[in-house]
Amino acid sequence: FIGAFHGRTMGANSLTASKLAQRARFTSNIPDVHHLPYATCYRCPYKMTYPSCDIWCARILEELYFKQLIPPDEVSAIFVEPIQGEGGYIVPPPEFIQIIRDIAQRHGIPYVDDEVQAGMGKTGKMLAIEHFDVTGNCTSLGKAVGSGVAVAAQVLDAGLDFGAQGAHSNTFGGNGVALAAVDATLDVFEKEHLVERAAEHGAYFIERLRELQTRHAAIGDVRGKGLMLAIDFVTDRSSRTPDPAFRDRVLSGCFRHGLMALPTGFSAIRFTPALVVDRDQIDHAIAVLDQAVREA
């Protein structure tokens, strides 16, 4: 999907479509990779309004693409971030994910759920796709799964596994230290109830961000799930025109005053605190953010 980030190596970069800089001068991307507009309701690429749009951004796959451009029986897989990361922390309507999953299942196409950014409790669910009451045939995990240790994993249906031993292998796969880090991470998740904690503190965090929005007209949108949150800056709320320059000034102000945050999309700032964050730390972050917006 447009806005997606799935990686930077040749195969993964062929799927990525969040920023031109990530694809520029990569002339050997895999051919026949098709991208559709994601369900970006705040700035709908089809200029429609949810829910009267009837989730056209999902239905168009079967009603147009599979009829005129892409033979569905030749599709290897559909790759989806349940909540887009680099694309702007975009949370789609639940029907979007459900319809895409149904289409994939109807045509026997593997549905790949990329949870590298959104997974591991960040959204208040262990996997972000759980918010949409569906499951994938293959789930990609990374980043937080090792708590800072470099490790990634693919969890897939048995029917998708490689039939021949050695068909897919790598030198450092199954590294003992990395797997110990994964095991310890899962143990801490369970003992410290980090998923539930993310849901609870995320609800408080987004409430504070919405309070901030009422004081600053430049904040056009507040969105996210759990502790995966973003604010989007606009020149004015009626047009929803992105204001990346203002966003960058706010980011600089946050850094000056000791708050680490990251850009996402074209004009948004994302917040991904550790799952052990407490309310005092959230309140401090809001105070710094408030100051940075006023100074911008």
C-alpha atoms as a PDB file:
ATOM      1  CA  PHE A   1       0.000   0.000   0.000  1.00  0.00           C
ATOM      2  CA  ILE A   2       1.085   3.589  -0.543  1.00  0.00           C
ATOM      3  CA  GLY A   3       2.543   4.844   2.719  1.00  0.00           C
ATOM      4  CA  ALA A   4       3.875   1.415   3.653  1.00  0.00           C
ATOM      5  CA  PHE A   5       7.316   0.711   5.041  1.00  0.00           C
ATOM      6  CA  HIS A   6       8.469  -2.906   4.876  1.00  0.00           C
ATOM      7  CA  GLY A   7      12.252  -2.504   4.766  1.00  0.00           C
ATOM      8  CA  ARG A   8      15.166  -1.197   2.704  1.00  0.00           C
ATOM      9  CA  THR A   9      16.735  -4.249   1.044  1.00  0.00           C
ATOM     10  CA  MET A  10      15.819  -5.049  -2.555  1.00  0.00           C
ATOM     11  CA  GLY A  11      12.754  -7.210  -1.934  1.00  0.00           C
ATOM     12  CA  ALA A  12      11.446  -5.268   1.040  1.00  0.00           C
ATOM     13  CA  ASN A  13      12.157  -1.917  -0.592  1.00  0.00           C
ATOM     14  CA  SER A  14      10.027  -2.989  -3.545  1.00  0.00           C
ATOM     15  CA  LEU A  15       7.096  -3.132  -1.129  1.00  0.00           C
ATOM     16  CA  THR A  16       7.966   0.138   0.616  1.00  0.00           C
ATOM     17  CA  ALA A  17       6.172   3.275  -0.576  1.00  0.00           C
ATOM     18  CA  SER A  18       6.237   5.847   2.202  1.00  0.00           C
ATOM     19  CA  LYS A  19       8.851   8.344   0.947  1.00  0.00           C
ATOM     20  CA  LEU A  20      10.617   8.923  -2.365  1.00  0.00           C
ATOM     21  CA  ALA A  21      13.993   9.055  -0.621  1.00  0.00           C
ATOM     22  CA  GLN A  22      13.600   5.393   0.317  1.00  0.00           C
ATOM     23  CA  ARG A  23      13.221   4.324  -3.323  1.00  0.00           C
ATOM     24  CA  ALA A  24      15.232   6.889  -5.283  1.00  0.00           C
ATOM     25  CA  ARG A  25      18.009   5.366  -7.432  1.00  0.00           C
ATOM     26  CA  PHE A  26      17.054   1.819  -6.468  1.00  0.00           C
ATOM     27  CA  THR A  27      16.660   0.716 -10.066  1.00  0.00           C
ATOM     28  CA  SER A  28      16.513  -3.021  -9.383  1.00  0.00           C
ATOM     29  CA  ASN A  29      13.307  -3.232  -7.378  1.00  0.00           C
ATOM     30  CA  ILE A  30      11.246  -6.380  -7.925  1.00  0.00           C
ATOM     31  CA  PRO A  31       8.845  -5.949 -10.868  1.00  0.00           C
ATOM     32  CA  ASP A  32       5.088  -6.484 -10.689  1.00  0.00           C
ATOM     33  CA  VAL A  33       4.690  -5.092  -7.186  1.00  0.00           C
ATOM     34  CA  HIS A  34       1.484  -3.066  -7.091  1.00  0.00           C
ATOM     35  CA  HIS A  35       0.605  -0.404  -4.515  1.00  0.00           C
ATOM     36  CA  LEU A  36      -2.889   0.785  -3.616  1.00  0.00           C
ATOM     37  CA  PRO A  37      -3.819   3.885  -1.615  1.00  0.00           C
ATOM     38  CA  TYR A  38      -4.139   3.082   2.095  1.00  0.00           C
ATOM     39  CA  ALA A  39      -7.171   3.992   4.186  1.00  0.00           C
ATOM     40  CA  THR A  40      -5.929   7.456   5.100  1.00  0.00           C
ATOM     41  CA  CYS A  41      -9.289   8.878   6.120  1.00  0.00           C
ATOM     42  CA  TYR A  42      -7.944  12.198   7.431  1.00  0.00           C
ATOM     43  CA  ARG A  43      -6.700  12.991   3.925  1.00  0.00           C
ATOM     44  CA  CYS A  44      -8.574  10.514   1.760  1.00  0.00           C
ATOM     45  CA  PRO A  45      -6.775  10.002  -1.568  1.00  0.00           C
ATOM     46  CA  TYR A  46     -10.181   9.467  -3.198  1.00  0.00           C
ATOM     47  CA  LYS A  47     -11.601  12.670  -1.660  1.00  0.00           C
ATOM     48  CA  MET A  48     -14.338  10.634   0.023  1.00  0.00           C
ATOM     49  CA  THR A  49     -15.640  10.678   3.585  1.00  0.00           C
ATOM     50  CA  TYR A  50     -15.862   7.744   5.991  1.00  0.00           C
ATOM     51  CA  PRO A  51     -18.215   5.903   6.428  1.00  0.00           C
ATOM     52  CA  SER A  52     -20.276   7.016   3.418  1.00  0.00           C
ATOM     53  CA  CYS A  53     -17.327   5.961   1.218  1.00  0.00           C
ATOM     54  CA  ASP A  54     -18.248   2.298   1.877  1.00  0.00           C
ATOM     55  CA  ILE A  55     -14.496   1.639   2.271  1.00  0.00           C
ATOM     56  CA  TRP A  56     -13.863   2.052  -1.455  1.00  0.00           C
ATOM     57  CA  CYS A  57     -10.097   2.034  -0.816  1.00  0.00           C
ATOM     58  CA  ALA A  58     -10.418  -1.664   0.117  1.00  0.00           C
ATOM     59  CA  ARG A  59     -13.165  -2.711  -2.283  1.00  0.00           C
ATOM     60  CA  ILE A  60     -11.322  -1.234  -5.276  1.00  0.00           C
ATOM     61  CA  LEU A  61      -8.820  -4.095  -5.052  1.00  0.00           C
ATOM     62  CA  GLU A  62     -11.410  -6.649  -6.131  1.00  0.00           C
ATOM     63  CA  GLU A  63     -13.785  -4.413  -8.073  1.00  0.00           C
ATOM     64  CA  LEU A  64     -11.154  -2.763 -10.270  1.00  0.00           C
ATOM     65  CA  TYR A  65      -7.596  -4.056  -9.886  1.00  0.00           C
ATOM     66  CA  PHE A  66      -8.478  -7.763  -9.937  1.00  0.00           C
ATOM     67  CA  LYS A  67     -10.739  -7.218 -12.945  1.00  0.00           C
ATOM     68  CA  GLN A  68      -8.524  -5.055 -15.141  1.00  0.00           C
ATOM     69  CA  LEU A  69      -4.908  -5.061 -14.003  1.00  0.00           C
ATOM     70  CA  ILE A  70      -3.839  -7.851 -11.643  1.00  0.00           C
ATOM     71  CA  PRO A  71      -4.835 -11.508 -12.185  1.00  0.00           C
ATOM     72  CA  PRO A  72      -5.672 -12.590  -8.621  1.00  0.00           C
ATOM     73  CA  ASP A  73      -4.417 -16.129  -9.208  1.00  0.00           C
ATOM     74  CA  GLU A  74      -0.960 -14.684  -9.913  1.00  0.00           C
ATOM     75  CA  VAL A  75      -0.717 -12.699  -6.670  1.00  0.00           C
ATOM     76  CA  SER A  76       1.959 -14.090  -4.348  1.00  0.00           C
ATOM     77  CA  ALA A  77       0.814 -12.208  -1.236  1.00  0.00           C
ATOM     78  CA  ILE A  78      -0.802  -9.048   0.091  1.00  0.00           C
ATOM     79  CA  PHE A  79       1.419  -7.146   2.541  1.00  0.00           C
ATOM     80  CA  VAL A  80      -0.319  -4.890   5.060  1.00  0.00           C
ATOM     81  CA  GLU A  81       0.745  -2.834   8.057  1.00  0.00           C
ATOM     82  CA  PRO A  82      -2.327  -2.899  10.335  1.00  0.00           C
ATOM     83  CA  ILE A  83      -1.327   0.600  11.447  1.00  0.00           C
ATOM     84  CA  GLN A  84       1.099   2.332   9.113  1.00  0.00           C
ATOM     85  CA  GLY A  85       4.352   3.420  10.747  1.00  0.00           C
ATOM     86  CA  GLU A  86       6.533   5.547   8.461  1.00  0.00           C
ATOM     87  CA  GLY A  87       3.443   6.524   6.499  1.00  0.00           C
ATOM     88  CA  GLY A  88       2.151   8.656   9.368  1.00  0.00           C
ATOM     89  CA  TYR A  89       0.864   6.354  12.126  1.00  0.00           C
ATOM     90  CA  ILE A  90      -2.298   5.886  10.099  1.00  0.00           C
ATOM     91  CA  VAL A  91      -5.061   3.923  11.835  1.00  0.00           C
ATOM     92  CA  PRO A  92      -7.511   2.600   9.230  1.00  0.00           C
ATOM     93  CA  PRO A  93     -11.201   1.957   9.873  1.00  0.00           C
ATOM     94  CA  PRO A  94     -11.652  -1.638  11.084  1.00  0.00           C
ATOM     95  CA  GLU A  95     -13.619  -2.538   7.963  1.00  0.00           C
ATOM     96  CA  PHE A  96     -10.600  -1.781   5.774  1.00  0.00           C
ATOM     97  CA  ILE A  97      -8.424  -4.502   7.261  1.00  0.00           C
ATOM     98  CA  GLN A  98     -11.366  -6.911   7.416  1.00  0.00           C
ATOM     99  CA  ILE A  99     -12.297  -6.404   3.748  1.00  0.00           C
ATOM    100  CA  ILE A 100      -8.711  -6.781   2.524  1.00  0.00           C
ATOM    101  CA  ARG A 101      -8.373  -9.955   4.601  1.00  0.00           C
ATOM    102  CA  ASP A 102     -11.642 -11.334   3.208  1.00  0.00           C
ATOM    103  CA  ILE A 103     -10.547 -10.605  -0.369  1.00  0.00           C
ATOM    104  CA  ALA A 104      -7.228 -12.358   0.226  1.00  0.00           C
ATOM    105  CA  GLN A 105      -8.951 -15.383   1.707  1.00  0.00           C
ATOM    106  CA  ARG A 106     -11.536 -15.527  -1.078  1.00  0.00           C
ATOM    107  CA  HIS A 107      -8.796 -15.709  -3.712  1.00  0.00           C
ATOM    108  CA  GLY A 108      -6.411 -17.947  -1.770  1.00  0.00           C
ATOM    109  CA  ILE A 109      -3.811 -15.191  -1.434  1.00  0.00           C
ATOM    110  CA  PRO A 110      -1.547 -15.227   1.657  1.00  0.00           C
ATOM    111  CA  TYR A 111      -2.124 -12.194   3.873  1.00  0.00           C
ATOM    112  CA  VAL A 112       1.140 -10.939   5.371  1.00  0.00           C
ATOM    113  CA  ASP A 113       0.673  -8.911   8.557  1.00  0.00           C
ATOM    114  CA  ASP A 114       3.695  -6.641   9.084  1.00  0.00           C
ATOM    115  CA  GLU A 115       3.895  -6.005  12.840  1.00  0.00           C
ATOM    116  CA  VAL A 116       7.527  -4.856  12.940  1.00  0.00           C
ATOM    117  CA  GLN A 117       6.549  -1.319  14.024  1.00  0.00           C
ATOM    118  CA  ALA A 118       3.043  -1.771  15.396  1.00  0.00           C
ATOM    119  CA  GLY A 119       3.385  -5.113  17.157  1.00  0.00           C
ATOM    120  CA  MET A 120       4.630  -6.260  20.543  1.00  0.00           C
ATOM    121  CA  GLY A 121       2.063  -4.551  22.753  1.00  0.00           C
ATOM    122  CA  LYS A 122       2.626  -1.007  21.550  1.00  0.00           C
ATOM    123  CA  THR A 123      -1.018  -0.487  20.532  1.00  0.00           C
ATOM    124  CA  GLY A 124      -2.555  -2.036  23.631  1.00  0.00           C
ATOM    125  CA  LYS A 125      -2.789  -5.437  21.945  1.00  0.00           C
ATOM    126  CA  MET A 126       0.070  -7.887  21.525  1.00  0.00           C
ATOM    127  CA  LEU A 127      -0.411  -7.591  17.766  1.00  0.00           C
ATOM    128  CA  ALA A 128      -2.014  -4.523  16.208  1.00  0.00           C
ATOM    129  CA  ILE A 129      -4.107  -6.680  13.877  1.00  0.00           C
ATOM    130  CA  GLU A 130      -6.050  -7.868  16.936  1.00  0.00           C
ATOM    131  CA  HIS A 131      -7.837  -4.504  16.955  1.00  0.00           C
ATOM    132  CA  PHE A 132      -9.515  -5.575  13.712  1.00  0.00           C
ATOM    133  CA  ASP A 133     -10.571  -9.099  14.747  1.00  0.00           C
ATOM    134  CA  VAL A 134      -8.668 -10.851  11.973  1.00  0.00           C
ATOM    135  CA  THR A 135      -5.440 -12.817  11.699  1.00  0.00           C
ATOM    136  CA  GLY A 136      -2.831 -13.057   8.971  1.00  0.00           C
ATOM    137  CA  ASN A 137      -1.311 -16.098   7.303  1.00  0.00           C
ATOM    138  CA  CYS A 138       2.153 -14.740   8.019  1.00  0.00           C
ATOM    139  CA  THR A 139       3.208 -12.259  10.707  1.00  0.00           C
ATOM    140  CA  SER A 140       6.448 -10.272  10.585  1.00  0.00           C
ATOM    141  CA  LEU A 141       8.017  -9.348  13.930  1.00  0.00           C
ATOM    142  CA  GLY A 142      11.130  -7.335  14.722  1.00  0.00           C
ATOM    143  CA  LYS A 143      12.436  -4.309  16.625  1.00  0.00           C
ATOM    144  CA  ALA A 144      10.725  -4.610  20.043  1.00  0.00           C
ATOM    145  CA  VAL A 145      10.594  -8.402  19.964  1.00  0.00           C
ATOM    146  CA  GLY A 146      14.210  -8.475  21.183  1.00  0.00           C
ATOM    147  CA  SER A 147      14.149  -5.401  23.435  1.00  0.00           C
ATOM    148  CA  GLY A 148      17.075  -3.812  21.610  1.00  0.00           C
ATOM    149  CA  VAL A 149      18.825  -6.979  20.496  1.00  0.00           C
ATOM    150  CA  ALA A 150      18.815  -7.312  16.703  1.00  0.00           C
ATOM    151  CA  VAL A 151      16.337 -10.078  15.936  1.00  0.00           C
ATOM    152  CA  ALA A 152      13.328 -10.638  13.717  1.00  0.00           C
ATOM    153  CA  ALA A 153      10.888 -13.458  13.150  1.00  0.00           C
ATOM    154  CA  GLN A 154       8.292 -14.722  10.712  1.00  0.00           C
ATOM    155  CA  VAL A 155       5.332 -16.574  12.198  1.00  0.00           C
ATOM    156  CA  LEU A 156       3.458 -18.350   9.437  1.00  0.00           C
ATOM    157  CA  ASP A 157       0.840 -20.949   8.688  1.00  0.00           C
ATOM    158  CA  ALA A 158       2.330 -24.425   8.402  1.00  0.00           C
ATOM    159  CA  GLY A 159       1.143 -24.644   4.806  1.00  0.00           C
ATOM    160  CA  LEU A 160       3.377 -21.715   3.844  1.00  0.00           C
ATOM    161  CA  ASP A 161       6.564 -23.269   5.227  1.00  0.00           C
ATOM    162  CA  PHE A 162       9.354 -24.285   2.857  1.00  0.00           C
ATOM    163  CA  GLY A 163       8.934 -27.857   1.695  1.00  0.00           C
ATOM    164  CA  ALA A 164      12.601 -28.720   1.310  1.00  0.00           C
ATOM    165  CA  GLN A 165      15.202 -28.459   4.049  1.00  0.00           C
ATOM    166  CA  GLY A 166      17.667 -25.688   3.227  1.00  0.00           C
ATOM    167  CA  ALA A 167      15.335 -23.923   0.787  1.00  0.00           C
ATOM    168  CA  HIS A 168      15.632 -20.864   2.996  1.00  0.00           C
ATOM    169  CA  SER A 169      18.416 -20.385   5.532  1.00  0.00           C
ATOM    170  CA  ASN A 170      20.974 -17.848   6.710  1.00  0.00           C
ATOM    171  CA  THR A 171      24.196 -17.875   8.683  1.00  0.00           C
ATOM    172  CA  PHE A 172      22.998 -15.997  11.756  1.00  0.00           C
ATOM    173  CA  GLY A 173      19.421 -17.243  11.894  1.00  0.00           C
ATOM    174  CA  GLY A 174      18.432 -18.715  15.242  1.00  0.00           C
ATOM    175  CA  ASN A 175      21.235 -16.918  17.085  1.00  0.00           C
ATOM    176  CA  GLY A 176      21.206 -18.147  20.671  1.00  0.00           C
ATOM    177  CA  VAL A 177      21.747 -14.747  22.307  1.00  0.00           C
ATOM    178  CA  ALA A 178      18.994 -13.168  20.218  1.00  0.00           C
ATOM    179  CA  LEU A 179      16.558 -15.957  21.019  1.00  0.00           C
ATOM    180  CA  ALA A 180      17.354 -15.623  24.721  1.00  0.00           C
ATOM    181  CA  ALA A 181      16.496 -11.919  24.424  1.00  0.00           C
ATOM    182  CA  VAL A 182      13.160 -12.780  22.798  1.00  0.00           C
ATOM    183  CA  ASP A 183      12.390 -15.298  25.532  1.00  0.00           C
ATOM    184  CA  ALA A 184      13.250 -12.776  28.259  1.00  0.00           C
ATOM    185  CA  THR A 185      11.179 -10.095  26.524  1.00  0.00           C
ATOM    186  CA  LEU A 186       8.087 -12.294  26.394  1.00  0.00           C
ATOM    187  CA  ASP A 187       8.613 -13.225  30.040  1.00  0.00           C
ATOM    188  CA  VAL A 188       8.686  -9.541  31.080  1.00  0.00           C
ATOM    189  CA  PHE A 189       5.619  -8.805  28.951  1.00  0.00           C
ATOM    190  CA  GLU A 190       3.669 -11.435  30.848  1.00  0.00           C
ATOM    191  CA  LYS A 191       4.958 -10.721  34.357  1.00  0.00           C
ATOM    192  CA  GLU A 192       4.621  -6.926  34.136  1.00  0.00           C
ATOM    193  CA  HIS A 193       1.367  -6.925  32.126  1.00  0.00           C
ATOM    194  CA  LEU A 194       2.900  -4.573  29.572  1.00  0.00           C
ATOM    195  CA  VAL A 195       0.165  -4.967  26.966  1.00  0.00           C
ATOM    196  CA  GLU A 196      -2.531  -3.962  29.431  1.00  0.00           C
ATOM    197  CA  ARG A 197      -0.303  -1.169  30.683  1.00  0.00           C
ATOM    198  CA  ALA A 198       0.102   0.183  27.137  1.00  0.00           C
ATOM    199  CA  ALA A 199      -3.667   0.243  26.670  1.00  0.00           C
ATOM    200  CA  GLU A 200      -4.228   2.044  29.981  1.00  0.00           C
ATOM    201  CA  HIS A 201      -1.475   4.631  29.651  1.00  0.00           C
ATOM    202  CA  GLY A 202      -2.128   5.052  25.951  1.00  0.00           C
ATOM    203  CA  ALA A 203      -5.714   6.080  26.697  1.00  0.00           C
ATOM    204  CA  TYR A 204      -4.393   8.707  29.116  1.00  0.00           C
ATOM    205  CA  PHE A 205      -1.707   9.898  26.673  1.00  0.00           C
ATOM    206  CA  ILE A 206      -4.104  10.404  23.756  1.00  0.00           C
ATOM    207  CA  GLU A 207      -6.521  12.245  26.050  1.00  0.00           C
ATOM    208  CA  ARG A 208      -3.722  14.659  26.987  1.00  0.00           C
ATOM    209  CA  LEU A 209      -2.793  15.105  23.313  1.00  0.00           C
ATOM    210  CA  ARG A 210      -6.400  15.941  22.479  1.00  0.00           C
ATOM    211  CA  GLU A 211      -6.425  18.512  25.263  1.00  0.00           C
ATOM    212  CA  LEU A 212      -3.329  20.021  23.661  1.00  0.00           C
ATOM    213  CA  GLN A 213      -5.113  20.070  20.310  1.00  0.00           C
ATOM    214  CA  THR A 214      -7.837  22.310  21.750  1.00  0.00           C
ATOM    215  CA  ARG A 215      -5.160  24.908  22.598  1.00  0.00           C
ATOM    216  CA  HIS A 216      -3.216  24.845  19.321  1.00  0.00           C
ATOM    217  CA  ALA A 217      -4.931  25.294  15.955  1.00  0.00           C
ATOM    218  CA  ALA A 218      -1.830  23.961  14.196  1.00  0.00           C
ATOM    219  CA  ILE A 219      -2.580  20.454  15.500  1.00  0.00           C
ATOM    220  CA  GLY A 220      -5.001  19.143  12.913  1.00  0.00           C
ATOM    221  CA  ASP A 221      -5.256  15.509  13.941  1.00  0.00           C
ATOM    222  CA  VAL A 222      -4.497  13.321  16.931  1.00  0.00           C
ATOM    223  CA  ARG A 223      -4.512   9.597  16.214  1.00  0.00           C
ATOM    224  CA  GLY A 224      -3.206   6.231  17.258  1.00  0.00           C
ATOM    225  CA  LYS A 225      -3.791   3.172  19.401  1.00  0.00           C
ATOM    226  CA  GLY A 226      -2.313   2.479  22.809  1.00  0.00           C
ATOM    227  CA  LEU A 227       1.142   4.030  23.043  1.00  0.00           C
ATOM    228  CA  MET A 228       1.532   4.285  19.262  1.00  0.00           C
ATOM    229  CA  LEU A 229       0.369   7.886  18.871  1.00  0.00           C
ATOM    230  CA  ALA A 230       0.842  10.815  16.516  1.00  0.00           C
ATOM    231  CA  ILE A 231      -0.142  14.448  16.079  1.00  0.00           C
ATOM    232  CA  ASP A 232      -0.431  15.949  12.597  1.00  0.00           C
ATOM    233  CA  PHE A 233       0.309  19.615  11.907  1.00  0.00           C
ATOM    234  CA  VAL A 234      -1.676  21.635   9.353  1.00  0.00           C
ATOM    235  CA  THR A 235      -1.683  25.153   7.948  1.00  0.00           C
ATOM    236  CA  ASP A 236      -5.394  25.269   8.785  1.00  0.00           C
ATOM    237  CA  ARG A 237      -7.873  22.672   9.961  1.00  0.00           C
ATOM    238  CA  SER A 238     -10.439  23.201   7.216  1.00  0.00           C
ATOM    239  CA  SER A 239      -8.080  22.376   4.335  1.00  0.00           C
ATOM    240  CA  ARG A 240      -5.967  19.920   6.352  1.00  0.00           C
ATOM    241  CA  THR A 241      -2.951  21.061   4.339  1.00  0.00           C
ATOM    242  CA  PRO A 242       0.187  19.451   5.817  1.00  0.00           C
ATOM    243  CA  ASP A 243       2.660  21.826   7.470  1.00  0.00           C
ATOM    244  CA  PRO A 244       5.995  19.972   7.540  1.00  0.00           C
ATOM    245  CA  ALA A 245       8.009  23.129   8.282  1.00  0.00           C
ATOM    246  CA  PHE A 246       6.004  23.785  11.449  1.00  0.00           C
ATOM    247  CA  ARG A 247       6.349  20.112  12.421  1.00  0.00           C
ATOM    248  CA  ASP A 248      10.112  20.329  12.047  1.00  0.00           C
ATOM    249  CA  ARG A 249      10.278  23.428  14.246  1.00  0.00           C
ATOM    250  CA  VAL A 250       8.244  21.661  16.912  1.00  0.00           C
ATOM    251  CA  LEU A 251      10.576  18.661  16.741  1.00  0.00           C
ATOM    252  CA  SER A 252      13.606  20.916  17.180  1.00  0.00           C
ATOM    253  CA  GLY A 253      11.945  22.517  20.196  1.00  0.00           C
ATOM    254  CA  CYS A 254      11.216  19.118  21.709  1.00  0.00           C
ATOM    255  CA  PHE A 255      14.871  18.110  21.340  1.00  0.00           C
ATOM    256  CA  ARG A 256      16.070  21.392  22.866  1.00  0.00           C
ATOM    257  CA  HIS A 257      13.890  20.816  25.915  1.00  0.00           C
ATOM    258  CA  GLY A 258      14.790  17.166  26.381  1.00  0.00           C
ATOM    259  CA  LEU A 259      11.935  15.296  24.695  1.00  0.00           C
ATOM    260  CA  MET A 260      12.849  12.733  22.064  1.00  0.00           C
ATOM    261  CA  ALA A 261      10.259  12.308  19.332  1.00  0.00           C
ATOM    262  CA  LEU A 262      10.343  11.299  15.685  1.00  0.00           C
ATOM    263  CA  PRO A 263       8.743  12.595  12.499  1.00  0.00           C
ATOM    264  CA  THR A 264       6.356  10.406  10.542  1.00  0.00           C
ATOM    265  CA  GLY A 265       4.463  10.910   7.326  1.00  0.00           C
ATOM    266  CA  PHE A 266       4.777  14.375   5.831  1.00  0.00           C
ATOM    267  CA  SER A 267       3.728  16.562   8.757  1.00  0.00           C
ATOM    268  CA  ALA A 268       3.256  14.432  11.870  1.00  0.00           C
ATOM    269  CA  ILE A 269       5.205  13.671  15.023  1.00  0.00           C
ATOM    270  CA  ARG A 270       5.034  10.173  16.473  1.00  0.00           C
ATOM    271  CA  PHE A 271       5.339   9.126  20.078  1.00  0.00           C
ATOM    272  CA  THR A 272       6.527   5.638  20.967  1.00  0.00           C
ATOM    273  CA  PRO A 273       7.418   5.649  24.657  1.00  0.00           C
ATOM    274  CA  ALA A 274       8.638   2.557  26.431  1.00  0.00           C
ATOM    275  CA  LEU A 275       5.760   0.388  27.611  1.00  0.00           C
ATOM    276  CA  VAL A 276       6.849   1.038  31.214  1.00  0.00           C
ATOM    277  CA  VAL A 277       6.155   4.782  30.882  1.00  0.00           C
ATOM    278  CA  ASP A 278       4.133   6.287  33.744  1.00  0.00           C
ATOM    279  CA  ARG A 279       1.688   9.198  33.955  1.00  0.00           C
ATOM    280  CA  ASP A 280       4.222  11.618  35.394  1.00  0.00           C
ATOM    281  CA  GLN A 281       6.468  11.042  32.391  1.00  0.00           C
ATOM    282  CA  ILE A 282       3.526  11.497  30.020  1.00  0.00           C
ATOM    283  CA  ASP A 283       2.573  14.749  31.748  1.00  0.00           C
ATOM    284  CA  HIS A 284       6.164  15.976  31.431  1.00  0.00           C
ATOM    285  CA  ALA A 285       6.193  15.093  27.729  1.00  0.00           C
ATOM    286  CA  ILE A 286       2.943  17.015  27.198  1.00  0.00           C
ATOM    287  CA  ALA A 287       4.367  20.066  28.981  1.00  0.00           C
ATOM    288  CA  VAL A 288       7.491  20.033  26.801  1.00  0.00           C
ATOM    289  CA  LEU A 289       5.429  19.499  23.657  1.00  0.00           C
ATOM    290  CA  ASP A 290       3.133  22.375  24.606  1.00  0.00           C
ATOM    291  CA  GLN A 291       6.140  24.662  25.009  1.00  0.00           C
ATOM    292  CA  ALA A 292       7.651  23.513  21.703  1.00  0.00           C
ATOM    293  CA  VAL A 293       4.411  24.193  19.805  1.00  0.00           C
ATOM    294  CA  ARG A 294       4.102  27.663  21.364  1.00  0.00           C
ATOM    295  CA  GLU A 295       7.691  28.477  20.406  1.00  0.00           C
ATOM    296  CA  ALA A 296       7.322  27.174  16.839  1.00  0.00           C
END
